[in-house]
Amino acid sequence: MSLEIIKNAIANKKMICPKCDKPIQKFDKFAETIDAVRDGFNVLEIDSHASRVTLTCGNGDCDFHERTEYWNNYIAD
């Protein structure tokens, strides 16, 4: 679900670069993080509540490039 939100925010130009205040152009290295794994009586449960992504501005000479799990802070309402 996080991947869809990131894709939509970038496509709709709602993910804003904190350095130049223009829309972020691309992302890569998306990964869901695992908070907890429980294995009991052959039942495996994995809790995942976050994701990490590398954001790259890509506007002109702006060099913003960050690996973060707080990507939702860059989405403008």
Protein backbone atom coordinates (compact mmCIF):
# COMPACT_ATOMS: atom_id res chain seq x y z
CA MET A 1 0.00 0.00 0.00
CA SER A 2 2.85 2.42 0.78
CA LEU A 3 4.31 1.89 -2.68
CA GLU A 4 1.01 2.95 -4.30
CA ILE A 5 0.87 6.10 -2.15
CA ILE A 6 4.44 7.03 -3.13
CA LYS A 7 3.79 6.39 -6.83
CA ASN A 8 0.59 8.47 -6.78
CA ALA A 9 2.20 11.35 -4.84
CA ILE A 10 5.06 11.58 -7.34
CA ALA A 11 2.78 11.20 -10.38
CA ASN A 12 0.43 13.89 -9.06
CA LYS A 13 3.39 16.15 -8.11
CA LYS A 14 2.37 16.20 -4.43
CA MET A 15 5.70 14.99 -3.02
CA ILE A 16 7.70 18.19 -2.51
CA CYS A 17 11.48 18.58 -2.26
CA PRO A 18 12.48 20.34 1.01
CA LYS A 19 15.46 22.07 -0.68
CA CYS A 20 13.92 23.65 -3.79
CA ASP A 21 10.15 23.36 -3.02
CA LYS A 22 9.46 21.71 -6.39
CA PRO A 23 7.91 18.27 -6.93
CA ILE A 24 10.21 15.28 -6.40
CA GLN A 25 10.73 13.51 -9.73
CA LYS A 26 11.71 9.94 -8.83
CA PHE A 27 12.23 7.28 -6.21
CA ASP A 28 13.98 3.93 -6.00
CA LYS A 29 15.01 1.19 -3.57
CA PHE A 30 11.55 0.83 -2.03
CA ALA A 31 11.39 -1.71 0.82
CA GLU A 32 8.83 -2.61 3.46
CA THR A 33 10.32 -2.76 6.95
CA ILE A 34 9.52 -5.58 9.32
CA ASP A 35 8.71 -4.61 12.90
CA ALA A 36 8.11 -8.04 14.41
CA VAL A 37 8.12 -11.68 13.42
CA ARG A 38 6.41 -14.24 15.63
CA ASP A 39 6.60 -17.96 15.04
CA GLY A 40 4.54 -20.08 17.34
CA PHE A 41 3.07 -23.50 16.69
CA ASN A 42 3.81 -23.24 12.95
CA VAL A 43 2.00 -19.91 12.66
CA LEU A 44 4.18 -17.17 11.25
CA GLU A 45 3.03 -13.58 11.73
CA ILE A 46 4.87 -10.58 10.31
CA ASP A 47 4.01 -7.04 11.36
CA SER A 48 4.99 -4.38 8.86
CA HIS A 49 3.97 -0.80 9.53
CA ALA A 50 6.58 1.19 7.63
CA SER A 51 8.58 1.39 4.44
CA ARG A 52 11.85 2.91 3.29
CA VAL A 53 12.46 4.62 0.00
CA THR A 54 15.19 6.68 -1.66
CA LEU A 55 13.84 10.00 -2.93
CA THR A 56 15.63 12.03 -5.62
CA CYS A 57 14.53 15.55 -6.52
CA GLY A 58 15.76 15.65 -10.13
CA ASN A 59 14.85 19.32 -10.71
CA GLY A 60 17.55 21.40 -12.38
CA ASP A 61 20.63 21.67 -10.19
CA CYS A 62 18.93 20.54 -6.93
CA ASP A 63 20.96 17.70 -5.41
CA PHE A 64 18.41 16.44 -2.85
CA HIS A 65 18.77 12.66 -2.51
CA GLU A 66 17.64 10.95 0.68
CA ARG A 67 16.92 7.44 1.96
CA THR A 68 14.07 7.73 4.45
CA GLU A 69 11.22 5.96 6.16
CA TYR A 70 9.54 9.32 6.77
CA TRP A 71 8.60 9.85 3.12
CA ASN A 72 5.05 10.82 4.09
CA ASN A 73 6.44 14.08 5.55
CA TYR A 74 7.25 15.21 1.99
CA ILE A 75 3.67 14.83 0.70
CA ALA A 76 1.80 18.13 0.48
CA ASP A 77 -1.91 18.09 1.28
